[in-house]
Amino acid sequence: MDIEILFKRILDYCFQVHTELGPGLLESAYEECLFYELNKNGLFVEKQKPLPLVYKEVKLDAGYRVDLLVETKIIVEIKSVDALNDIHLAQILTYMKLSGCRLGLLVNFNVKHLKDGIRRVIL
């Protein structure tokens, strides 16, 4: 599947989840619901996918986990915070570098209008 079509599908499901639930819930609730929508609609999704850190040829289990990895191509990092800030962007960029993914989606569900909580991230 074309990565842009895949990205648009993920966005559509994010909007569905936000429309159904609204803001104010925990990240884990949005993660579960988005995982359900993506999976139900035939996409291969890995939830809380561990990411090892490779340092000087040593593979370390540093406890990094991607919220959702869709079709092994796009990382979706879910937040439920007052506002996205630089540390959230740094987090998804780190995950993208460690995983080799070139495209990421940072989504803050704790907003009135979801369009205000979406950041597309490209390496």
PDB file of N, CA and C in Angstrom:
ATOM      1  N   MET A   1       0.850  -1.183   0.000  1.00  0.00           N
ATOM      2  CA  MET A   1       0.000   0.000   0.000  1.00  0.00           C
ATOM      3  C   MET A   1       0.895   1.246   0.000  1.00  0.00           C
ATOM      4  N   ASP A   2       0.517   2.218  -0.791  1.00  0.00           N
ATOM      5  CA  ASP A   2       1.222   3.488  -0.847  1.00  0.00           C
ATOM      6  C   ASP A   2       1.233   4.130   0.544  1.00  0.00           C
ATOM      7  N   ILE A   3       2.368   4.657   0.941  1.00  0.00           N
ATOM      8  CA  ILE A   3       2.511   5.197   2.297  1.00  0.00           C
ATOM      9  C   ILE A   3       1.609   6.408   2.541  1.00  0.00           C
ATOM     10  N   GLU A   4       1.346   7.197   1.509  1.00  0.00           N
ATOM     11  CA  GLU A   4       0.461   8.355   1.677  1.00  0.00           C
ATOM     12  C   GLU A   4      -0.993   7.921   1.872  1.00  0.00           C
ATOM     13  N   ILE A   5      -1.412   6.911   1.159  1.00  0.00           N
ATOM     14  CA  ILE A   5      -2.767   6.367   1.348  1.00  0.00           C
ATOM     15  C   ILE A   5      -2.883   5.773   2.739  1.00  0.00           C
ATOM     16  N   LEU A   6      -1.857   5.045   3.162  1.00  0.00           N
ATOM     17  CA  LEU A   6      -1.839   4.470   4.503  1.00  0.00           C
ATOM     18  C   LEU A   6      -1.910   5.570   5.561  1.00  0.00           C
ATOM     19  N   PHE A   7      -1.143   6.618   5.386  1.00  0.00           N
ATOM     20  CA  PHE A   7      -1.141   7.729   6.338  1.00  0.00           C
ATOM     21  C   PHE A   7      -2.529   8.359   6.436  1.00  0.00           C
ATOM     22  N   LYS A   8      -3.180   8.563   5.305  1.00  0.00           N
ATOM     23  CA  LYS A   8      -4.521   9.144   5.294  1.00  0.00           C
ATOM     24  C   LYS A   8      -5.521   8.232   6.001  1.00  0.00           C
ATOM     25  N   ARG A   9      -5.392   6.938   5.795  1.00  0.00           N
ATOM     26  CA  ARG A   9      -6.291   5.997   6.483  1.00  0.00           C
ATOM     27  C   ARG A   9      -6.107   6.084   7.997  1.00  0.00           C
ATOM     28  N   ILE A  10      -4.864   6.153   8.440  1.00  0.00           N
ATOM     29  CA  ILE A  10      -4.598   6.271   9.875  1.00  0.00           C
ATOM     30  C   ILE A  10      -5.228   7.551  10.417  1.00  0.00           C
ATOM     31  N   LEU A  11      -5.041   8.650   9.696  1.00  0.00           N
ATOM     32  CA  LEU A  11      -5.650   9.914  10.110  1.00  0.00           C
ATOM     33  C   LEU A  11      -7.169   9.796  10.208  1.00  0.00           C
ATOM     34  N   ASP A  12      -7.782   9.175   9.225  1.00  0.00           N
ATOM     35  CA  ASP A  12      -9.238   8.997   9.241  1.00  0.00           C
ATOM     36  C   ASP A  12      -9.686   8.251  10.493  1.00  0.00           C
ATOM     37  N   TYR A  13      -8.960   7.207  10.867  1.00  0.00           N
ATOM     38  CA  TYR A  13      -9.324   6.441  12.066  1.00  0.00           C
ATOM     39  C   TYR A  13      -9.076   7.251  13.334  1.00  0.00           C
ATOM     40  N   CYS A  14      -8.047   8.088  13.333  1.00  0.00           N
ATOM     41  CA  CYS A  14      -7.820   8.981  14.476  1.00  0.00           C
ATOM     42  C   CYS A  14      -9.016   9.911  14.659  1.00  0.00           C
ATOM     43  N   PHE A  15      -9.493  10.476  13.566  1.00  0.00           N
ATOM     44  CA  PHE A  15     -10.647  11.370  13.638  1.00  0.00           C
ATOM     45  C   PHE A  15     -11.894  10.622  14.110  1.00  0.00           C
ATOM     46  N   GLN A  16     -12.065   9.382  13.670  1.00  0.00           N
ATOM     47  CA  GLN A  16     -13.212   8.583  14.128  1.00  0.00           C
ATOM     48  C   GLN A  16     -13.159   8.360  15.634  1.00  0.00           C
ATOM     49  N   VAL A  17     -11.992   7.998  16.127  1.00  0.00           N
ATOM     50  CA  VAL A  17     -11.832   7.756  17.562  1.00  0.00           C
ATOM     51  C   VAL A  17     -12.099   9.038  18.343  1.00  0.00           C
ATOM     52  N   HIS A  18     -11.542  10.146  17.885  1.00  0.00           N
ATOM     53  CA  HIS A  18     -11.730  11.411  18.596  1.00  0.00           C
ATOM     54  C   HIS A  18     -13.189  11.851  18.562  1.00  0.00           C
ATOM     55  N   THR A  19     -13.856  11.668  17.442  1.00  0.00           N
ATOM     56  CA  THR A  19     -15.275  12.019  17.337  1.00  0.00           C
ATOM     57  C   THR A  19     -16.105  11.197  18.310  1.00  0.00           C
ATOM     58  N   GLU A  20     -15.770   9.930  18.432  1.00  0.00           N
ATOM     59  CA  GLU A  20     -16.526   9.027  19.311  1.00  0.00           C
ATOM     60  C   GLU A  20     -16.253   9.301  20.794  1.00  0.00           C
ATOM     61  N   LEU A  21     -14.986   9.542  21.140  1.00  0.00           N
ATOM     62  CA  LEU A  21     -14.613   9.652  22.551  1.00  0.00           C
ATOM     63  C   LEU A  21     -14.474  11.083  23.061  1.00  0.00           C
ATOM     64  N   GLY A  22     -14.047  12.000  22.191  1.00  0.00           N
ATOM     65  CA  GLY A  22     -13.773  13.363  22.627  1.00  0.00           C
ATOM     66  C   GLY A  22     -12.495  13.428  23.443  1.00  0.00           C
ATOM     67  N   PRO A  23     -12.134  14.621  23.911  1.00  0.00           N
ATOM     68  CA  PRO A  23     -10.917  14.781  24.711  1.00  0.00           C
ATOM     69  C   PRO A  23     -11.149  14.367  26.167  1.00  0.00           C
ATOM     70  N   GLY A  24     -10.040  14.260  26.915  1.00  0.00           N
ATOM     71  CA  GLY A  24     -10.133  14.090  28.356  1.00  0.00           C
ATOM     72  C   GLY A  24      -9.858  12.710  28.899  1.00  0.00           C
ATOM     73  N   LEU A  25      -9.587  11.727  28.032  1.00  0.00           N
ATOM     74  CA  LEU A  25      -9.303  10.371  28.511  1.00  0.00           C
ATOM     75  C   LEU A  25      -7.790  10.134  28.584  1.00  0.00           C
ATOM     76  N   LEU A  26      -7.419   9.004  29.139  1.00  0.00           N
ATOM     77  CA  LEU A  26      -6.011   8.621  29.203  1.00  0.00           C
ATOM     78  C   LEU A  26      -5.501   8.203  27.828  1.00  0.00           C
ATOM     79  N   GLU A  27      -4.198   8.357  27.622  1.00  0.00           N
ATOM     80  CA  GLU A  27      -3.576   7.927  26.369  1.00  0.00           C
ATOM     81  C   GLU A  27      -3.899   6.473  26.060  1.00  0.00           C
ATOM     82  N   SER A  28      -3.877   5.639  27.084  1.00  0.00           N
ATOM     83  CA  SER A  28      -4.100   4.207  26.867  1.00  0.00           C
ATOM     84  C   SER A  28      -5.475   3.919  26.274  1.00  0.00           C
ATOM     85  N   ALA A  29      -6.478   4.720  26.617  1.00  0.00           N
ATOM     86  CA  ALA A  29      -7.820   4.527  26.055  1.00  0.00           C
ATOM     87  C   ALA A  29      -7.817   4.834  24.559  1.00  0.00           C
ATOM     88  N   TYR A  30      -7.192   5.928  24.175  1.00  0.00           N
ATOM     89  CA  TYR A  30      -7.127   6.282  22.757  1.00  0.00           C
ATOM     90  C   TYR A  30      -6.303   5.254  21.987  1.00  0.00           C
ATOM     91  N   GLU A  31      -5.223   4.794  22.601  1.00  0.00           N
ATOM     92  CA  GLU A  31      -4.373   3.792  21.953  1.00  0.00           C
ATOM     93  C   GLU A  31      -5.152   2.520  21.674  1.00  0.00           C
ATOM     94  N   GLU A  32      -5.881   2.036  22.655  1.00  0.00           N
ATOM     95  CA  GLU A  32      -6.662   0.808  22.479  1.00  0.00           C
ATOM     96  C   GLU A  32      -7.721   0.966  21.390  1.00  0.00           C
ATOM     97  N   CYS A  33      -8.405   2.103  21.399  1.00  0.00           N
ATOM     98  CA  CYS A  33      -9.471   2.328  20.414  1.00  0.00           C
ATOM     99  C   CYS A  33      -8.910   2.487  19.006  1.00  0.00           C
ATOM    100  N   LEU A  34      -7.794   3.202  18.866  1.00  0.00           N
ATOM    101  CA  LEU A  34      -7.184   3.351  17.556  1.00  0.00           C
ATOM    102  C   LEU A  34      -6.633   2.015  17.071  1.00  0.00           C
ATOM    103  N   PHE A  35      -6.023   1.255  17.951  1.00  0.00           N
ATOM    104  CA  PHE A  35      -5.542  -0.085  17.605  1.00  0.00           C
ATOM    105  C   PHE A  35      -6.702  -0.933  17.092  1.00  0.00           C
ATOM    106  N   TYR A  36      -7.829  -0.884  17.783  1.00  0.00           N
ATOM    107  CA  TYR A  36      -9.017  -1.635  17.374  1.00  0.00           C
ATOM    108  C   TYR A  36      -9.457  -1.234  15.966  1.00  0.00           C
ATOM    109  N   GLU A  37      -9.556   0.083  15.708  1.00  0.00           N
ATOM    110  CA  GLU A  37     -10.015   0.561  14.399  1.00  0.00           C
ATOM    111  C   GLU A  37      -9.058   0.147  13.282  1.00  0.00           C
ATOM    112  N   LEU A  38      -7.774   0.317  13.499  1.00  0.00           N
ATOM    113  CA  LEU A  38      -6.787  -0.032  12.482  1.00  0.00           C
ATOM    114  C   LEU A  38      -6.812  -1.529  12.191  1.00  0.00           C
ATOM    115  N   ASN A  39      -6.829  -2.310  13.250  1.00  0.00           N
ATOM    116  CA  ASN A  39      -6.834  -3.767  13.127  1.00  0.00           C
ATOM    117  C   ASN A  39      -8.112  -4.265  12.463  1.00  0.00           C
ATOM    118  N   LYS A  40      -9.242  -3.718  12.899  1.00  0.00           N
ATOM    119  CA  LYS A  40     -10.551  -4.117  12.361  1.00  0.00           C
ATOM    120  C   LYS A  40     -10.637  -3.851  10.865  1.00  0.00           C
ATOM    121  N   ASN A  41      -9.940  -2.837  10.415  1.00  0.00           N
ATOM    122  CA  ASN A  41      -9.993  -2.448   9.012  1.00  0.00           C
ATOM    123  C   ASN A  41      -8.844  -3.024   8.183  1.00  0.00           C
ATOM    124  N   GLY A  42      -8.250  -4.102   8.686  1.00  0.00           N
ATOM    125  CA  GLY A  42      -7.325  -4.893   7.900  1.00  0.00           C
ATOM    126  C   GLY A  42      -5.884  -4.443   7.861  1.00  0.00           C
ATOM    127  N   LEU A  43      -5.503  -3.529   8.735  1.00  0.00           N
ATOM    128  CA  LEU A  43      -4.114  -3.091   8.761  1.00  0.00           C
ATOM    129  C   LEU A  43      -3.321  -3.897   9.786  1.00  0.00           C
ATOM    130  N   PHE A  44      -2.066  -4.164   9.463  1.00  0.00           N
ATOM    131  CA  PHE A  44      -1.185  -4.848  10.406  1.00  0.00           C
ATOM    132  C   PHE A  44      -0.644  -3.814  11.382  1.00  0.00           C
ATOM    133  N   VAL A  45      -0.974  -3.990  12.661  1.00  0.00           N
ATOM    134  CA  VAL A  45      -0.603  -3.013  13.687  1.00  0.00           C
ATOM    135  C   VAL A  45       0.059  -3.729  14.845  1.00  0.00           C
ATOM    136  N   GLU A  46       1.176  -3.176  15.294  1.00  0.00           N
ATOM    137  CA  GLU A  46       1.841  -3.670  16.493  1.00  0.00           C
ATOM    138  C   GLU A  46       1.698  -2.608  17.566  1.00  0.00           C
ATOM    139  N   LYS A  47       1.245  -3.037  18.745  1.00  0.00           N
ATOM    140  CA  LYS A  47       0.991  -2.122  19.855  1.00  0.00           C
ATOM    141  C   LYS A  47       2.090  -2.284  20.902  1.00  0.00           C
ATOM    142  N   GLN A  48       2.569  -1.150  21.421  1.00  0.00           N
ATOM    143  CA  GLN A  48       3.633  -1.141  22.430  1.00  0.00           C
ATOM    144  C   GLN A  48       4.821  -1.984  21.972  1.00  0.00           C
ATOM    145  N   LYS A  49       5.222  -1.736  20.733  1.00  0.00           N
ATOM    146  CA  LYS A  49       6.333  -2.474  20.111  1.00  0.00           C
ATOM    147  C   LYS A  49       7.654  -2.049  20.732  1.00  0.00           C
ATOM    148  N   PRO A  50       8.376  -3.000  21.319  1.00  0.00           N
ATOM    149  CA  PRO A  50       9.679  -2.674  21.914  1.00  0.00           C
ATOM    150  C   PRO A  50      10.689  -2.251  20.843  1.00  0.00           C
ATOM    151  N   LEU A  51      11.488  -1.253  21.183  1.00  0.00           N
ATOM    152  CA  LEU A  51      12.556  -0.785  20.300  1.00  0.00           C
ATOM    153  C   LEU A  51      13.876  -0.859  21.048  1.00  0.00           C
ATOM    154  N   PRO A  52      14.774  -1.718  20.613  1.00  0.00           N
ATOM    155  CA  PRO A  52      16.081  -1.761  21.278  1.00  0.00           C
ATOM    156  C   PRO A  52      16.934  -0.575  20.852  1.00  0.00           C
ATOM    157  N   LEU A  53      17.833  -0.213  21.710  1.00  0.00           N
ATOM    158  CA  LEU A  53      18.799   0.834  21.431  1.00  0.00           C
ATOM    159  C   LEU A  53      20.123   0.144  21.102  1.00  0.00           C
ATOM    160  N   VAL A  54      20.701   0.472  19.961  1.00  0.00           N
ATOM    161  CA  VAL A  54      21.997  -0.095  19.597  1.00  0.00           C
ATOM    162  C   VAL A  54      23.053   0.977  19.843  1.00  0.00           C
ATOM    163  N   TYR A  55      23.962   0.641  20.743  1.00  0.00           N
ATOM    164  CA  TYR A  55      25.033   1.552  21.112  1.00  0.00           C
ATOM    165  C   TYR A  55      26.368   0.838  20.915  1.00  0.00           C
ATOM    166  N   LYS A  56      27.184   1.356  19.992  1.00  0.00           N
ATOM    167  CA  LYS A  56      28.492   0.768  19.710  1.00  0.00           C
ATOM    168  C   LYS A  56      28.403  -0.741  19.513  1.00  0.00           C
ATOM    169  N   GLU A  57      27.495  -1.140  18.655  1.00  0.00           N
ATOM    170  CA  GLU A  57      27.271  -2.536  18.272  1.00  0.00           C
ATOM    171  C   GLU A  57      26.688  -3.401  19.381  1.00  0.00           C
ATOM    172  N   VAL A  58      26.254  -2.795  20.476  1.00  0.00           N
ATOM    173  CA  VAL A  58      25.627  -3.538  21.567  1.00  0.00           C
ATOM    174  C   VAL A  58      24.145  -3.201  21.567  1.00  0.00           C
ATOM    175  N   LYS A  59      23.341  -4.241  21.527  1.00  0.00           N
ATOM    176  CA  LYS A  59      21.892  -4.061  21.533  1.00  0.00           C
ATOM    177  C   LYS A  59      21.422  -4.007  22.986  1.00  0.00           C
ATOM    178  N   LEU A  60      20.847  -2.855  23.363  1.00  0.00           N
ATOM    179  CA  LEU A  60      20.418  -2.643  24.739  1.00  0.00           C
ATOM    180  C   LEU A  60      18.894  -2.580  24.811  1.00  0.00           C
ATOM    181  N   ASP A  61      18.338  -3.220  25.802  1.00  0.00           N
ATOM    182  CA  ASP A  61      16.905  -3.096  26.031  1.00  0.00           C
ATOM    183  C   ASP A  61      16.712  -1.911  26.967  1.00  0.00           C
ATOM    184  N   ALA A  62      16.482  -0.742  26.368  1.00  0.00           N
ATOM    185  CA  ALA A  62      16.388   0.489  27.145  1.00  0.00           C
ATOM    186  C   ALA A  62      14.949   0.828  27.519  1.00  0.00           C
ATOM    187  N   GLY A  63      14.012  -0.033  27.169  1.00  0.00           N
ATOM    188  CA  GLY A  63      12.626   0.190  27.558  1.00  0.00           C
ATOM    189  C   GLY A  63      11.839   1.096  26.627  1.00  0.00           C
ATOM    190  N   TYR A  64      12.365   1.395  25.439  1.00  0.00           N
ATOM    191  CA  TYR A  64      11.611   2.205  24.488  1.00  0.00           C
ATOM    192  C   TYR A  64      10.499   1.376  23.873  1.00  0.00           C
ATOM    193  N   ARG A  65       9.309   1.979  23.765  1.00  0.00           N
ATOM    194  CA  ARG A  65       8.170   1.290  23.170  1.00  0.00           C
ATOM    195  C   ARG A  65       7.385   2.267  22.298  1.00  0.00           C
ATOM    196  N   VAL A  66       7.147   1.841  21.079  1.00  0.00           N
ATOM    197  CA  VAL A  66       6.339   2.623  20.150  1.00  0.00           C
ATOM    198  C   VAL A  66       4.873   2.334  20.465  1.00  0.00           C
ATOM    199  N   ASP A  67       4.051   3.386  20.565  1.00  0.00           N
ATOM    200  CA  ASP A  67       2.627   3.166  20.839  1.00  0.00           C
ATOM    201  C   ASP A  67       2.018   2.254  19.788  1.00  0.00           C
ATOM    202  N   LEU A  68       2.074   2.670  18.528  1.00  0.00           N
ATOM    203  CA  LEU A  68       1.544   1.857  17.428  1.00  0.00           C
ATOM    204  C   LEU A  68       2.507   1.925  16.247  1.00  0.00           C
ATOM    205  N   LEU A  69       2.780   0.775  15.673  1.00  0.00           N
ATOM    206  CA  LEU A  69       3.557   0.684  14.446  1.00  0.00           C
ATOM    207  C   LEU A  69       2.641   0.073  13.400  1.00  0.00           C
ATOM    208  N   VAL A  70       2.329   0.839  12.361  1.00  0.00           N
ATOM    209  CA  VAL A  70       1.344   0.419  11.373  1.00  0.00           C
ATOM    210  C   VAL A  70       2.039  -0.030  10.092  1.00  0.00           C
ATOM    211  N   GLU A  71       1.749  -1.284   9.712  1.00  0.00           N
ATOM    212  CA  GLU A  71       2.298  -1.870   8.488  1.00  0.00           C
ATOM    213  C   GLU A  71       3.823  -1.768   8.431  1.00  0.00           C
ATOM    214  N   THR A  72       4.468  -1.760   9.578  1.00  0.00           N
ATOM    215  CA  THR A  72       5.931  -1.613   9.726  1.00  0.00           C
ATOM    216  C   THR A  72       6.481  -0.382   9.001  1.00  0.00           C
ATOM    217  N   LYS A  73       5.604   0.614   8.731  1.00  0.00           N
ATOM    218  CA  LYS A  73       6.015   1.795   7.970  1.00  0.00           C
ATOM    219  C   LYS A  73       5.831   3.106   8.713  1.00  0.00           C
ATOM    220  N   ILE A  74       4.793   3.193   9.532  1.00  0.00           N
ATOM    221  CA  ILE A  74       4.447   4.467  10.154  1.00  0.00           C
ATOM    222  C   ILE A  74       4.322   4.290  11.662  1.00  0.00           C
ATOM    223  N   ILE A  75       5.021   5.140  12.406  1.00  0.00           N
ATOM    224  CA  ILE A  75       4.921   5.157  13.864  1.00  0.00           C
ATOM    225  C   ILE A  75       3.830   6.146  14.251  1.00  0.00           C
ATOM    226  N   VAL A  76       2.936   5.703  15.125  1.00  0.00           N
ATOM    227  CA  VAL A  76       1.905   6.585  15.661  1.00  0.00           C
ATOM    228  C   VAL A  76       2.160   6.725  17.157  1.00  0.00           C
ATOM    229  N   GLU A  77       2.463   7.931  17.575  1.00  0.00           N
ATOM    230  CA  GLU A  77       2.708   8.222  18.991  1.00  0.00           C
ATOM    231  C   GLU A  77       1.507   9.000  19.508  1.00  0.00           C
ATOM    232  N   ILE A  78       0.861   8.457  20.529  1.00  0.00           N
ATOM    233  CA  ILE A  78      -0.387   9.009  21.054  1.00  0.00           C
ATOM    234  C   ILE A  78      -0.126   9.763  22.349  1.00  0.00           C
ATOM    235  N   LYS A  79      -0.730  10.937  22.432  1.00  0.00           N
ATOM    236  CA  LYS A  79      -0.634  11.760  23.634  1.00  0.00           C
ATOM    237  C   LYS A  79      -2.028  12.203  24.051  1.00  0.00           C
ATOM    238  N   SER A  80      -2.146  12.531  25.328  1.00  0.00           N
ATOM    239  CA  SER A  80      -3.354  13.158  25.862  1.00  0.00           C
ATOM    240  C   SER A  80      -2.871  14.193  26.878  1.00  0.00           C
ATOM    241  N   VAL A  81      -2.398  15.311  26.335  1.00  0.00           N
ATOM    242  CA  VAL A  81      -1.760  16.355  27.137  1.00  0.00           C
ATOM    243  C   VAL A  81      -2.374  17.716  26.800  1.00  0.00           C
ATOM    244  N   ASP A  82      -2.067  18.712  27.635  1.00  0.00           N
ATOM    245  CA  ASP A  82      -2.586  20.055  27.380  1.00  0.00           C
ATOM    246  C   ASP A  82      -2.111  20.602  26.039  1.00  0.00           C
ATOM    247  N   ALA A  83      -0.852  20.361  25.713  1.00  0.00           N
ATOM    248  CA  ALA A  83      -0.299  20.817  24.440  1.00  0.00           C
ATOM    249  C   ALA A  83       0.929  19.981  24.092  1.00  0.00           C
ATOM    250  N   LEU A  84       1.117  19.737  22.804  1.00  0.00           N
ATOM    251  CA  LEU A  84       2.334  19.073  22.359  1.00  0.00           C
ATOM    252  C   LEU A  84       3.491  20.043  22.520  1.00  0.00           C
ATOM    253  N   ASN A  85       4.645  19.496  22.912  1.00  0.00           N
ATOM    254  CA  ASN A  85       5.818  20.359  23.013  1.00  0.00           C
ATOM    255  C   ASN A  85       7.036  19.666  22.415  1.00  0.00           C
ATOM    256  N   ASP A  86       8.184  20.309  22.520  1.00  0.00           N
ATOM    257  CA  ASP A  86       9.394  19.828  21.854  1.00  0.00           C
ATOM    258  C   ASP A  86       9.806  18.426  22.299  1.00  0.00           C
ATOM    259  N   ILE A  87       9.567  18.080  23.546  1.00  0.00           N
ATOM    260  CA  ILE A  87       9.970  16.755  24.033  1.00  0.00           C
ATOM    261  C   ILE A  87       9.164  15.644  23.364  1.00  0.00           C
ATOM    262  N   HIS A  88       7.911  15.922  23.031  1.00  0.00           N
ATOM    263  CA  HIS A  88       7.086  14.932  22.327  1.00  0.00           C
ATOM    264  C   HIS A  88       7.618  14.714  20.906  1.00  0.00           C
ATOM    265  N   LEU A  89       8.014  15.805  20.269  1.00  0.00           N
ATOM    266  CA  LEU A  89       8.603  15.699  18.934  1.00  0.00           C
ATOM    267  C   LEU A  89       9.929  14.947  18.998  1.00  0.00           C
ATOM    268  N   ALA A  90      10.747  15.252  19.990  1.00  0.00           N
ATOM    269  CA  ALA A  90      12.029  14.558  20.153  1.00  0.00           C
ATOM    270  C   ALA A  90      11.812  13.062  20.369  1.00  0.00           C
ATOM    271  N   GLN A  91      10.782  12.714  21.121  1.00  0.00           N
ATOM    272  CA  GLN A  91      10.492  11.311  21.396  1.00  0.00           C
ATOM    273  C   GLN A  91      10.171  10.556  20.109  1.00  0.00           C
ATOM    274  N   ILE A  92       9.263  11.083  19.303  1.00  0.00           N
ATOM    275  CA  ILE A  92       8.901  10.364  18.076  1.00  0.00           C
ATOM    276  C   ILE A  92      10.062  10.337  17.082  1.00  0.00           C
ATOM    277  N   LEU A  93      10.853  11.395  17.040  1.00  0.00           N
ATOM    278  CA  LEU A  93      12.024  11.390  16.165  1.00  0.00           C
ATOM    279  C   LEU A  93      13.019  10.306  16.578  1.00  0.00           C
ATOM    280  N   THR A  94      13.214  10.155  17.872  1.00  0.00           N
ATOM    281  CA  THR A  94      14.099   9.091  18.374  1.00  0.00           C
ATOM    282  C   THR A  94      13.567   7.724  17.974  1.00  0.00           C
ATOM    283  N   TYR A  95      12.274   7.512  18.161  1.00  0.00           N
ATOM    284  CA  TYR A  95      11.660   6.232  17.788  1.00  0.00           C
ATOM    285  C   TYR A  95      11.807   5.964  16.293  1.00  0.00           C
ATOM    286  N   MET A  96      11.649   7.000  15.499  1.00  0.00           N
ATOM    287  CA  MET A  96      11.777   6.840  14.053  1.00  0.00           C
ATOM    288  C   MET A  96      13.205   6.463  13.675  1.00  0.00           C
ATOM    289  N   LYS A  97      14.183   7.113  14.297  1.00  0.00           N
ATOM    290  CA  LYS A  97      15.584   6.798  14.013  1.00  0.00           C
ATOM    291  C   LYS A  97      15.915   5.363  14.424  1.00  0.00           C
ATOM    292  N   LEU A  98      15.456   4.965  15.609  1.00  0.00           N
ATOM    293  CA  LEU A  98      15.751   3.612  16.102  1.00  0.00           C
ATOM    294  C   LEU A  98      15.085   2.528  15.258  1.00  0.00           C
ATOM    295  N   SER A  99      13.908   2.824  14.732  1.00  0.00           N
ATOM    296  CA  SER A  99      13.143   1.821  13.985  1.00  0.00           C
ATOM    297  C   SER A  99      13.432   1.835  12.487  1.00  0.00           C
ATOM    298  N   GLY A 100      13.981   2.933  11.988  1.00  0.00           N
ATOM    299  CA  GLY A 100      14.196   3.051  10.552  1.00  0.00           C
ATOM    300  C   GLY A 100      12.972   3.558   9.803  1.00  0.00           C
ATOM    301  N   CYS A 101      11.912   3.899  10.501  1.00  0.00           N
ATOM    302  CA  CYS A 101      10.716   4.461   9.862  1.00  0.00           C
ATOM    303  C   CYS A 101      10.992   5.903   9.449  1.00  0.00           C
ATOM    304  N   ARG A 102      10.519   6.275   8.289  1.00  0.00           N
ATOM    305  CA  ARG A 102      10.742   7.627   7.782  1.00  0.00           C
ATOM    306  C   ARG A 102       9.553   8.551   8.008  1.00  0.00           C
ATOM    307  N   LEU A 103       8.404   7.970   8.438  1.00  0.00           N
ATOM    308  CA  LEU A 103       7.190   8.763   8.608  1.00  0.00           C
ATOM    309  C   LEU A 103       6.550   8.450   9.953  1.00  0.00           C
ATOM    310  N   GLY A 104       6.156   9.502  10.649  1.00  0.00           N
ATOM    311  CA  GLY A 104       5.516   9.336  11.949  1.00  0.00           C
ATOM    312  C   GLY A 104       4.326  10.261  12.092  1.00  0.00           C
ATOM    313  N   LEU A 105       3.455   9.904  13.007  1.00  0.00           N
ATOM    314  CA  LEU A 105       2.269  10.698  13.303  1.00  0.00           C
ATOM    315  C   LEU A 105       2.189  10.870  14.807  1.00  0.00           C
ATOM    316  N   LEU A 106       2.258  12.118  15.237  1.00  0.00           N
ATOM    317  CA  LEU A 106       2.147  12.472  16.648  1.00  0.00           C
ATOM    318  C   LEU A 106       0.741  13.036  16.837  1.00  0.00           C
ATOM    319  N   VAL A 107      -0.051  12.384  17.697  1.00  0.00           N
ATOM    320  CA  VAL A 107      -1.453  12.765  17.853  1.00  0.00           C
ATOM    321  C   VAL A 107      -1.762  13.063  19.311  1.00  0.00           C
ATOM    322  N   ASN A 108      -2.219  14.280  19.571  1.00  0.00           N
ATOM    323  CA  ASN A 108      -2.693  14.652  20.903  1.00  0.00           C
ATOM    324  C   ASN A 108      -4.221  14.650  20.872  1.00  0.00           C
ATOM    325  N   PHE A 109      -4.813  13.672  21.540  1.00  0.00           N
ATOM    326  CA  PHE A 109      -6.268  13.531  21.554  1.00  0.00           C
ATOM    327  C   PHE A 109      -6.941  14.473  22.554  1.00  0.00           C
ATOM    328  N   ASN A 110      -6.168  15.154  23.384  1.00  0.00           N
ATOM    329  CA  ASN A 110      -6.741  16.013  24.419  1.00  0.00           C
ATOM    330  C   ASN A 110      -6.938  17.447  23.908  1.00  0.00           C
ATOM    331  N   VAL A 111      -7.603  17.557  22.764  1.00  0.00           N
ATOM    332  CA  VAL A 111      -7.904  18.852  22.160  1.00  0.00           C
ATOM    333  C   VAL A 111      -9.362  18.852  21.716  1.00  0.00           C
ATOM    334  N   LYS A 112      -9.917  20.050  21.612  1.00  0.00           N
ATOM    335  CA  LYS A 112     -11.319  20.165  21.185  1.00  0.00           C
ATOM    336  C   LYS A 112     -11.476  19.726  19.733  1.00  0.00           C
ATOM    337  N   HIS A 113     -10.575  20.188  18.876  1.00  0.00           N
ATOM    338  CA  HIS A 113     -10.586  19.839  17.453  1.00  0.00           C
ATOM    339  C   HIS A 113      -9.308  19.076  17.149  1.00  0.00           C
ATOM    340  N   LEU A 114      -9.438  17.834  16.729  1.00  0.00           N
ATOM    341  CA  LEU A 114      -8.268  16.973  16.549  1.00  0.00           C
ATOM    342  C   LEU A 114      -7.256  17.560  15.570  1.00  0.00           C
ATOM    343  N   LYS A 115      -7.698  18.309  14.582  1.00  0.00           N
ATOM    344  CA  LYS A 115      -6.755  18.907  13.622  1.00  0.00           C
ATOM    345  C   LYS A 115      -5.697  19.753  14.327  1.00  0.00           C
ATOM    346  N   ASP A 116      -6.026  20.267  15.506  1.00  0.00           N
ATOM    347  CA  ASP A 116      -5.074  21.071  16.288  1.00  0.00           C
ATOM    348  C   ASP A 116      -4.073  20.212  17.067  1.00  0.00           C
ATOM    349  N   GLY A 117      -4.301  18.908  17.101  1.00  0.00           N
ATOM    350  CA  GLY A 117      -3.436  18.020  17.873  1.00  0.00           C
ATOM    351  C   GLY A 117      -2.623  17.065  17.029  1.00  0.00           C
ATOM    352  N   ILE A 118      -2.518  17.332  15.738  1.00  0.00           N
ATOM    353  CA  ILE A 118      -1.839  16.407  14.822  1.00  0.00           C
ATOM    354  C   ILE A 118      -0.550  17.013  14.295  1.00  0.00           C
ATOM    355  N   ARG A 119       0.516  16.205  14.351  1.00  0.00           N
ATOM    356  CA  ARG A 119       1.803  16.597  13.758  1.00  0.00           C
ATOM    357  C   ARG A 119       2.299  15.449  12.898  1.00  0.00           C
ATOM    358  N   ARG A 120       2.539  15.740  11.654  1.00  0.00           N
ATOM    359  CA  ARG A 120       3.159  14.779  10.733  1.00  0.00           C
ATOM    360  C   ARG A 120       4.662  14.973  10.875  1.00  0.00           C
ATOM    361  N   VAL A 121       5.403  13.872  11.040  1.00  0.00           N
ATOM    362  CA  VAL A 121       6.838  13.959  11.267  1.00  0.00           C
ATOM    363  C   VAL A 121       7.553  13.124  10.195  1.00  0.00           C
ATOM    364  N   ILE A 122       8.504  13.761   9.532  1.00  0.00           N
ATOM    365  CA  ILE A 122       9.239  13.093   8.443  1.00  0.00           C
ATOM    366  C   ILE A 122      10.737  13.159   8.745  1.00  0.00           C
ATOM    367  N   LEU A 123      11.408  12.034   8.565  1.00  0.00           N
ATOM    368  CA  LEU A 123      12.879  11.988   8.694  1.00  0.00           C
ATOM    369  C   LEU A 123      13.517  12.163   7.336  1.00  0.00           C
TER     370      LEU A 123
END
